């Protein structure tokens, strides 16, 4: 027996394949406009996104756009939708539906809700298609030698002070070496449009987001484990209560860890440094902290924000938004235009320029980081965003 969830998945699939009839599109629109369906829809879409982020959208024959617009010539309007339903809420759900549709096989198109009518949005065509970021990083060895990790295959990479470094299934692994108080250092950096994974000598795992870097010893000291980061990284720290794990963040803050999972966002172009704890316990302090009272002890599910040398404790941050990048997603819930553009700049390695005043636009919904830039921009167009592409430059217009 078909369940309501099965029916919605079926409608989304037909929507993505461009085989949906006018009646089916009207049914899907009406279902999404019902505020009581918001929670189950969001849960369903999140599940589909997380299951299918490994799939890549495929280019569509441009003639499909013309043919599909003809099919939708008698498309439904919003006249049947109650006035009490916020247009932003409907638009949010269409943005997420469009992302799922792409994952299920659709091209760069979606329905956007404007005023009183639903219209089919034409695909965004750039001079040169800009694909999503991918796995890759630059490894710098102790002697200054650099290795482009994108270009090598699984196997031996180097021997650093007796520690074997190997690449295994997209993760750089360091073997265990003898503790040293005068260790050699390596560093890993990810350019824009790249991300990578790393396992340190103690077994700690690090996920490095785009435009980020980490510096670390090839063998930790006897009494502590200390690394330095810039940008954004997620850590799963190996437990060792006798040897605390210390992270220097841009020489502005320090995190002391006993064994836990947490995320650090410390991009130089972000307004604050955010450290979010998922499991375990960490202590966060500023660069000039000298006493225990100057340090902030976080509990799981809490976040410390450092801005203008002052810490603020956020007790209930949106963890799904914090961890979206690691899970292969963009999470644009409540995100303003400039914050969103900073994410796109880092992931797609583009330049963003604003013409005139920056539009006061906030975005909602989730999208896969596997999508081409043109697909993402097509979805954002539904929020009234005006722009043009000039090679790798995205120009935002009033």
Protein backbone atom coordinates (compact mmCIF):
# COMPACT_ATOMS: atom_id res chain seq x y z
CA UNK A 1 0.00 0.00 0.00
CA UNK A 2 1.41 3.40 -1.00
CA UNK A 3 2.16 5.72 1.92
CA UNK A 4 2.01 9.55 1.76
CA UNK A 5 5.81 9.59 1.90
CA UNK A 6 5.99 7.18 -1.05
CA UNK A 7 3.66 9.45 -2.98
CA UNK A 8 5.78 12.55 -2.37
CA UNK A 9 8.96 10.70 -3.39
CA UNK A 10 7.14 9.59 -6.54
CA UNK A 11 6.07 13.17 -7.30
CA UNK A 12 9.58 14.50 -6.69
CA UNK A 13 11.00 11.83 -8.97
CA UNK A 14 8.54 12.64 -11.76
CA UNK A 15 9.24 16.34 -11.19
CA UNK A 16 12.98 15.68 -11.55
CA UNK A 17 12.50 13.59 -14.68
CA UNK A 18 10.24 16.26 -16.21
CA UNK A 19 7.43 13.79 -16.71
CA UNK A 20 5.08 15.26 -14.12
CA UNK A 21 1.64 16.21 -15.37
CA UNK A 22 -0.02 19.50 -14.57
CA UNK A 23 -2.21 17.72 -12.02
CA UNK A 24 0.82 16.14 -10.34
CA UNK A 25 2.64 19.47 -10.16
CA UNK A 26 -0.46 21.06 -8.67
CA UNK A 27 -0.67 18.21 -6.13
CA UNK A 28 2.98 18.67 -5.14
CA UNK A 29 2.60 22.45 -4.89
CA UNK A 30 -0.53 22.15 -2.75
CA UNK A 31 1.11 19.57 -0.47
CA UNK A 32 4.16 21.78 0.09
CA UNK A 33 1.99 24.85 0.69
CA UNK A 34 0.28 23.09 3.60
CA UNK A 35 2.15 24.27 6.70
CA UNK A 36 1.35 21.02 8.54
CA UNK A 37 3.52 19.19 5.99
CA UNK A 38 6.59 21.39 6.53
CA UNK A 39 8.27 19.17 9.14
CA UNK A 40 7.76 15.81 7.35
CA UNK A 41 8.80 17.39 4.04
CA UNK A 42 12.01 18.83 5.52
CA UNK A 43 12.83 15.48 7.16
CA UNK A 44 12.19 13.60 3.90
CA UNK A 45 14.26 15.99 1.81
CA UNK A 46 17.15 15.96 4.30
CA UNK A 47 17.17 12.16 4.18
CA UNK A 48 17.18 12.14 0.37
CA UNK A 49 19.94 14.74 0.20
CA UNK A 50 22.19 12.87 2.61
CA UNK A 51 21.60 9.57 0.80
CA UNK A 52 22.35 10.93 -2.64
CA UNK A 53 25.05 13.59 -2.30
CA UNK A 54 27.44 11.27 -4.13
CA UNK A 55 25.38 11.55 -7.32
CA UNK A 56 26.25 14.23 -9.85
CA UNK A 57 23.66 16.12 -11.83
CA UNK A 58 23.86 15.60 -15.59
CA UNK A 59 23.54 18.26 -18.24
CA UNK A 60 20.19 18.37 -20.03
CA UNK A 61 19.57 18.96 -23.69
CA UNK A 62 18.50 22.65 -23.90
CA UNK A 63 15.47 21.60 -25.98
CA UNK A 64 14.08 19.97 -22.83
CA UNK A 65 13.58 23.44 -21.37
CA UNK A 66 11.41 24.51 -24.31
CA UNK A 67 9.45 21.27 -24.39
CA UNK A 68 8.88 21.28 -20.66
CA UNK A 69 7.70 24.89 -20.65
CA UNK A 70 5.11 23.86 -23.26
CA UNK A 71 3.99 20.98 -21.05
CA UNK A 72 3.61 23.46 -18.19
CA UNK A 73 1.82 26.08 -20.30
CA UNK A 74 -1.25 25.68 -18.08
CA UNK A 75 0.77 25.53 -14.84
CA UNK A 76 -1.07 26.10 -11.55
CA UNK A 77 -1.00 29.47 -9.81
CA UNK A 78 -0.94 30.21 -6.12
CA UNK A 79 -4.57 31.30 -6.14
CA UNK A 80 -5.61 28.13 -4.35
CA UNK A 81 -2.97 28.57 -1.64
CA UNK A 82 -4.27 30.19 1.56
CA UNK A 83 -3.11 33.77 2.12
CA UNK A 84 -1.84 32.79 5.57
CA UNK A 85 0.93 30.63 4.09
CA UNK A 86 4.16 32.69 3.93
CA UNK A 87 5.55 32.85 0.39
CA UNK A 88 9.06 32.51 1.87
CA UNK A 89 8.09 29.16 3.40
CA UNK A 90 6.85 27.84 0.06
CA UNK A 91 9.93 29.17 -1.73
CA UNK A 92 12.18 27.50 0.82
CA UNK A 93 10.58 24.13 0.18
CA UNK A 94 10.84 24.57 -3.58
CA UNK A 95 14.54 25.39 -3.23
CA UNK A 96 15.13 22.16 -1.33
CA UNK A 97 12.88 20.21 -3.70
CA UNK A 98 14.90 21.53 -6.61
CA UNK A 99 18.11 20.29 -5.02
CA UNK A 100 16.61 16.84 -4.52
CA UNK A 101 15.32 16.91 -8.08
CA UNK A 102 18.83 17.54 -9.38
CA UNK A 103 20.14 14.62 -7.35
CA UNK A 104 17.41 12.43 -8.80
CA UNK A 105 18.44 13.37 -12.33
CA UNK A 106 17.09 16.79 -13.29
CA UNK A 107 19.07 19.58 -14.89
CA UNK A 108 19.57 23.18 -13.76
CA UNK A 109 15.96 24.22 -13.31
CA UNK A 110 13.36 24.69 -10.63
CA UNK A 111 10.10 26.37 -9.92
CA UNK A 112 10.37 29.65 -8.08
CA UNK A 113 7.49 31.33 -6.28
CA UNK A 114 7.09 34.99 -7.19
CA UNK A 115 4.09 37.18 -6.36
CA UNK A 116 0.98 35.22 -7.36
CA UNK A 117 2.40 32.86 -9.97
CA UNK A 118 4.74 29.89 -10.24
CA UNK A 119 7.09 30.02 -13.24
CA UNK A 120 9.71 27.73 -14.69
CA UNK A 121 13.17 29.27 -14.28
CA UNK A 122 15.56 28.98 -17.19
CA UNK A 123 18.94 27.38 -16.54
CA UNK A 124 21.94 29.57 -15.82
CA UNK A 125 24.48 29.17 -18.61
CA UNK A 126 28.05 30.30 -17.89
CA UNK A 127 30.70 30.79 -20.56
CA UNK A 128 32.64 27.92 -19.00
CA UNK A 129 30.75 25.52 -16.71
CA UNK A 130 32.05 25.71 -13.14
CA UNK A 131 31.99 22.35 -11.39
CA UNK A 132 31.86 21.76 -7.63
CA UNK A 133 34.89 21.41 -5.40
CA UNK A 134 36.52 18.02 -4.96
CA UNK A 135 39.05 16.07 -2.91
CA UNK A 136 42.54 17.52 -3.04
CA UNK A 137 45.24 19.27 -1.01
CA UNK A 138 48.87 20.36 -0.97
CA UNK A 139 51.19 18.61 1.47
CA UNK A 140 54.33 20.49 2.55
CA UNK A 141 57.06 18.32 4.05
CA UNK A 142 59.63 19.31 6.69
CA UNK A 143 62.24 20.21 4.06
CA UNK A 144 59.81 22.45 2.16
CA UNK A 145 59.01 19.94 -0.59
CA UNK A 146 55.40 20.19 -1.74
CA UNK A 147 53.25 17.31 -2.97
CA UNK A 148 49.97 17.78 -4.82
CA UNK A 149 47.79 15.09 -3.26
CA UNK A 150 45.24 15.34 -6.10
CA UNK A 151 47.80 13.85 -8.48
CA UNK A 152 48.94 10.72 -6.62
CA UNK A 153 47.34 7.33 -6.03
CA UNK A 154 47.04 5.16 -2.95
CA UNK A 155 50.31 4.10 -1.40
CA UNK A 156 53.55 5.40 0.06
CA UNK A 157 53.99 9.18 0.04
CA UNK A 158 57.05 9.94 2.17
CA UNK A 159 59.11 9.06 5.22
CA UNK A 160 59.29 11.91 7.71
CA UNK A 161 61.78 11.45 10.57
CA UNK A 162 61.13 7.73 10.56
CA UNK A 163 57.35 8.11 10.30
CA UNK A 164 55.78 6.55 7.21
CA UNK A 165 53.19 8.68 5.43
CA UNK A 166 50.72 6.90 3.17
CA UNK A 167 47.63 7.83 1.17
CA UNK A 168 44.67 5.49 1.64
CA UNK A 169 41.30 6.06 -0.03
CA UNK A 170 41.49 9.83 0.00
CA UNK A 171 42.96 10.16 3.50
CA UNK A 172 46.58 10.94 4.37
CA UNK A 173 47.76 8.73 7.25
CA UNK A 174 50.78 9.14 9.51
CA UNK A 175 52.22 6.14 11.30
CA UNK A 176 53.07 6.27 14.98
CA UNK A 177 56.52 7.62 15.73
CA UNK A 178 58.63 8.18 18.83
CA UNK A 179 57.63 11.19 20.91
CA UNK A 180 59.95 14.11 20.37
CA UNK A 181 60.31 17.52 22.00
CA UNK A 182 62.04 18.78 18.85
CA UNK A 183 59.82 17.36 16.11
CA UNK A 184 59.71 17.95 12.39
CA UNK A 185 56.58 19.66 11.07
CA UNK A 186 54.40 19.03 8.05
CA UNK A 187 51.47 21.09 6.85
CA UNK A 188 48.45 20.44 4.67
CA UNK A 189 46.56 23.19 2.85
CA UNK A 190 43.44 23.06 0.72
CA UNK A 191 43.04 25.69 -2.01
CA UNK A 192 39.59 27.03 -2.87
CA UNK A 193 37.57 24.23 -4.42
CA UNK A 194 39.30 21.44 -2.49
CA UNK A 195 38.85 19.52 0.77
CA UNK A 196 40.75 16.62 2.32
CA UNK A 197 41.07 14.20 5.24
CA UNK A 198 44.05 13.56 7.47
CA UNK A 199 44.95 11.09 10.23
CA UNK A 200 47.59 12.39 12.63
CA UNK A 201 50.25 10.20 14.31
CA UNK A 202 48.11 9.72 17.45
CA UNK A 203 45.09 8.50 15.45
CA UNK A 204 43.23 11.83 15.54
CA UNK A 205 41.24 12.39 12.35
CA UNK A 206 40.86 15.79 10.70
CA UNK A 207 38.52 16.90 7.91
CA UNK A 208 39.84 20.05 6.25
CA UNK A 209 37.36 22.29 4.44
CA UNK A 210 38.21 24.41 1.39
CA UNK A 211 40.69 27.30 1.71
CA UNK A 212 42.04 25.95 5.01
CA UNK A 213 45.33 24.68 6.45
CA UNK A 214 46.76 22.70 9.34
CA UNK A 215 50.33 22.51 10.64
CA UNK A 216 51.32 19.55 12.82
CA UNK A 217 54.36 17.57 14.03
CA UNK A 218 55.10 14.20 12.45
CA UNK A 219 55.51 12.89 16.02
CA UNK A 220 53.91 14.60 19.02
CA UNK A 221 55.80 15.84 22.09
CA UNK A 222 55.85 13.77 25.28
CA UNK A 223 53.40 15.87 27.29
CA UNK A 224 51.05 17.42 24.76
CA UNK A 225 49.73 17.24 21.21
CA UNK A 226 49.72 20.64 19.53
CA UNK A 227 48.58 21.69 16.03
CA UNK A 228 47.78 24.99 14.28
CA UNK A 229 44.87 25.66 11.93
CA UNK A 230 43.43 28.34 9.71
CA UNK A 231 40.08 28.19 7.94
CA UNK A 232 37.69 25.39 8.90
CA UNK A 233 38.29 21.87 10.19
CA UNK A 234 36.39 19.11 11.95
CA UNK A 235 38.28 17.01 14.50
CA UNK A 236 37.76 13.57 16.00
CA UNK A 237 40.48 13.56 18.64
CA UNK A 238 41.98 10.29 19.88
CA UNK A 239 41.55 9.94 23.65
CA UNK A 240 44.71 10.38 25.73
CA UNK A 241 43.99 12.02 29.09
CA UNK A 242 47.68 12.24 29.97
CA UNK A 243 48.50 14.16 26.78
CA UNK A 244 46.02 16.98 26.03
CA UNK A 245 45.35 17.98 22.44
CA UNK A 246 45.88 21.72 21.84
CA UNK A 247 44.83 23.71 18.77
CA UNK A 248 46.16 27.17 17.99
CA UNK A 249 43.55 29.03 15.92
CA UNK A 250 44.97 31.88 13.83
CA UNK A 251 47.09 32.90 16.84
CA UNK A 252 43.85 34.33 18.25
CA UNK A 253 42.41 31.46 20.28
CA UNK A 254 43.29 28.04 21.63
CA UNK A 255 41.24 24.90 22.13
CA UNK A 256 42.26 22.33 24.74
CA UNK A 257 40.86 18.86 24.14
CA UNK A 258 40.85 15.63 26.12
CA UNK A 259 39.20 13.45 23.47
CA UNK A 260 36.18 14.59 21.55
CA UNK A 261 34.52 15.64 18.28
CA UNK A 262 34.17 19.30 17.36
CA UNK A 263 34.28 21.80 14.50
CA UNK A 264 36.33 24.99 14.21
CA UNK A 265 35.39 27.73 11.74
CA UNK A 266 38.16 30.34 11.69
CA UNK A 267 38.15 31.83 8.21
CA UNK A 268 39.77 35.26 8.15
CA UNK A 269 36.82 36.73 6.23
CA UNK A 270 34.21 35.55 8.75
CA UNK A 271 33.12 37.98 11.53
CA UNK A 272 34.01 35.55 14.35
CA UNK A 273 35.83 32.33 15.19
CA UNK A 274 33.30 29.63 16.03
CA UNK A 275 34.15 26.43 17.90
CA UNK A 276 31.30 23.93 18.16
CA UNK A 277 31.41 20.86 20.39
CA UNK A 278 29.58 17.69 19.34
CA UNK A 279 30.88 15.16 21.86
CA UNK A 280 33.23 15.15 24.84
CA UNK A 281 34.71 18.24 26.44
CA UNK A 282 36.87 21.14 25.32
CA UNK A 283 38.16 24.33 26.87
CA UNK A 284 38.43 27.44 24.68
CA UNK A 285 40.58 30.45 25.47
CA UNK A 286 41.77 33.65 23.81
CA UNK A 287 45.36 34.23 22.78
CA UNK A 288 45.95 36.44 25.81
CA UNK A 289 44.18 34.29 28.42
CA UNK A 290 46.34 33.64 31.48
CA UNK A 291 43.97 32.22 34.10
CA UNK A 292 41.34 29.48 34.17
CA UNK A 293 38.63 32.10 34.61
CA UNK A 294 39.53 33.46 31.16
CA UNK A 295 38.72 30.10 29.57
CA UNK A 296 35.33 28.80 28.45
CA UNK A 297 34.42 25.17 29.12
CA UNK A 298 32.00 23.81 26.52
CA UNK A 299 29.42 21.07 26.95
CA UNK A 300 28.25 18.92 24.00
CA UNK A 301 25.95 20.88 21.72
CA UNK A 302 27.40 24.27 22.67
CA UNK A 303 29.39 26.78 20.63
CA UNK A 304 31.96 29.43 21.57
CA UNK A 305 32.18 32.51 19.35
CA UNK A 306 35.22 34.79 19.56
CA UNK A 307 34.72 38.31 18.24
CA UNK A 308 36.76 41.40 19.08
CA UNK A 309 38.70 39.38 21.70
CA UNK A 310 35.45 38.56 23.54
CA UNK A 311 33.88 35.10 23.89
CA UNK A 312 30.15 34.49 23.63
CA UNK A 313 28.60 31.15 24.59
CA UNK A 314 25.88 29.88 22.24
CA UNK A 315 24.00 27.11 24.02
CA UNK A 316 21.87 25.78 21.16
CA UNK A 317 23.60 26.27 17.80
CA UNK A 318 22.21 24.60 14.70
CA UNK A 319 24.49 21.56 14.59
CA UNK A 320 23.19 20.41 11.22
CA UNK A 321 24.21 23.78 9.78
CA UNK A 322 27.65 23.64 11.42
CA UNK A 323 28.32 20.13 10.09
CA UNK A 324 26.69 20.53 6.67
CA UNK A 325 30.02 20.99 4.81
CA UNK A 326 31.43 17.75 6.22
CA UNK A 327 28.23 15.92 5.27
CA UNK A 328 28.41 17.13 1.66
CA UNK A 329 25.74 19.83 1.94
CA UNK A 330 25.19 23.56 1.88
CA UNK A 331 22.85 24.58 4.68
CA UNK A 332 21.49 28.05 3.96
CA UNK A 333 19.01 28.29 6.84
CA UNK A 334 18.77 31.98 7.70
CA UNK A 335 21.96 32.77 5.78
CA UNK A 336 22.39 36.29 4.42
CA UNK A 337 23.72 37.02 0.96
CA UNK A 338 27.32 37.82 1.87
CA UNK A 339 27.69 34.76 4.11
CA UNK A 340 26.34 32.54 1.35
CA UNK A 341 28.66 34.10 -1.23
CA UNK A 342 31.69 33.49 1.00
CA UNK A 343 30.79 29.79 1.01
CA UNK A 344 30.42 29.70 -2.77
CA UNK A 345 33.72 31.57 -3.28
CA UNK A 346 35.60 28.97 -1.23
CA UNK A 347 33.94 25.92 -2.74
CA UNK A 348 33.73 26.92 -6.42
CA UNK A 349 36.92 29.04 -6.50
CA UNK A 350 35.16 32.06 -7.95
CA UNK A 351 35.25 35.82 -7.41
CA UNK A 352 32.15 37.69 -6.24
CA UNK A 353 31.64 41.37 -7.01
CA UNK A 354 28.72 43.54 -5.84
CA UNK A 355 27.29 46.23 -8.09
CA UNK A 356 25.62 48.97 -6.05
CA UNK A 357 23.97 48.14 -2.73
CA UNK A 358 24.07 44.57 -1.45
CA UNK A 359 20.54 43.12 -1.59
CA UNK A 360 19.02 42.40 1.83
CA UNK A 361 18.20 38.77 1.09
CA UNK A 362 18.16 35.77 3.44
CA UNK A 363 18.11 32.20 2.19
CA UNK A 364 16.65 28.96 3.45
CA UNK A 365 17.05 25.26 2.67
CA UNK A 366 19.78 22.74 1.90
CA UNK A 367 21.59 21.81 -1.30
CA UNK A 368 24.24 19.28 -2.22
CA UNK A 369 27.83 20.48 -2.58
CA UNK A 370 28.11 18.08 -5.55
CA UNK A 371 26.09 20.42 -7.77
CA UNK A 372 27.58 22.58 -10.49
CA UNK A 373 27.59 26.31 -9.73
CA UNK A 374 25.02 26.97 -12.45
CA UNK A 375 22.55 24.65 -10.71
CA UNK A 376 23.02 26.34 -7.36
CA UNK A 377 22.57 29.77 -8.90
CA UNK A 378 19.42 28.63 -10.70
CA UNK A 379 17.92 27.69 -7.34
CA UNK A 380 18.98 30.97 -5.71
CA UNK A 381 17.36 32.90 -8.54
CA UNK A 382 14.05 31.84 -7.02
CA UNK A 383 14.80 34.14 -4.08
CA UNK A 384 14.87 37.18 -6.35
CA UNK A 385 18.65 37.27 -6.67
CA UNK A 386 19.91 39.11 -9.79
CA UNK A 387 23.36 38.38 -11.14
CA UNK A 388 25.49 37.65 -14.17
CA UNK A 389 28.53 35.45 -14.75
CA UNK A 390 31.72 36.75 -16.35
CA UNK A 391 33.94 33.68 -16.65
CA UNK A 392 34.76 32.91 -12.99
CA UNK A 393 33.42 36.23 -11.71
CA UNK A 394 29.92 36.33 -10.25
CA UNK A 395 28.47 39.86 -10.35
CA UNK A 396 25.62 40.48 -7.89
CA UNK A 397 23.23 43.19 -9.09
CA UNK A 398 20.57 45.19 -7.18
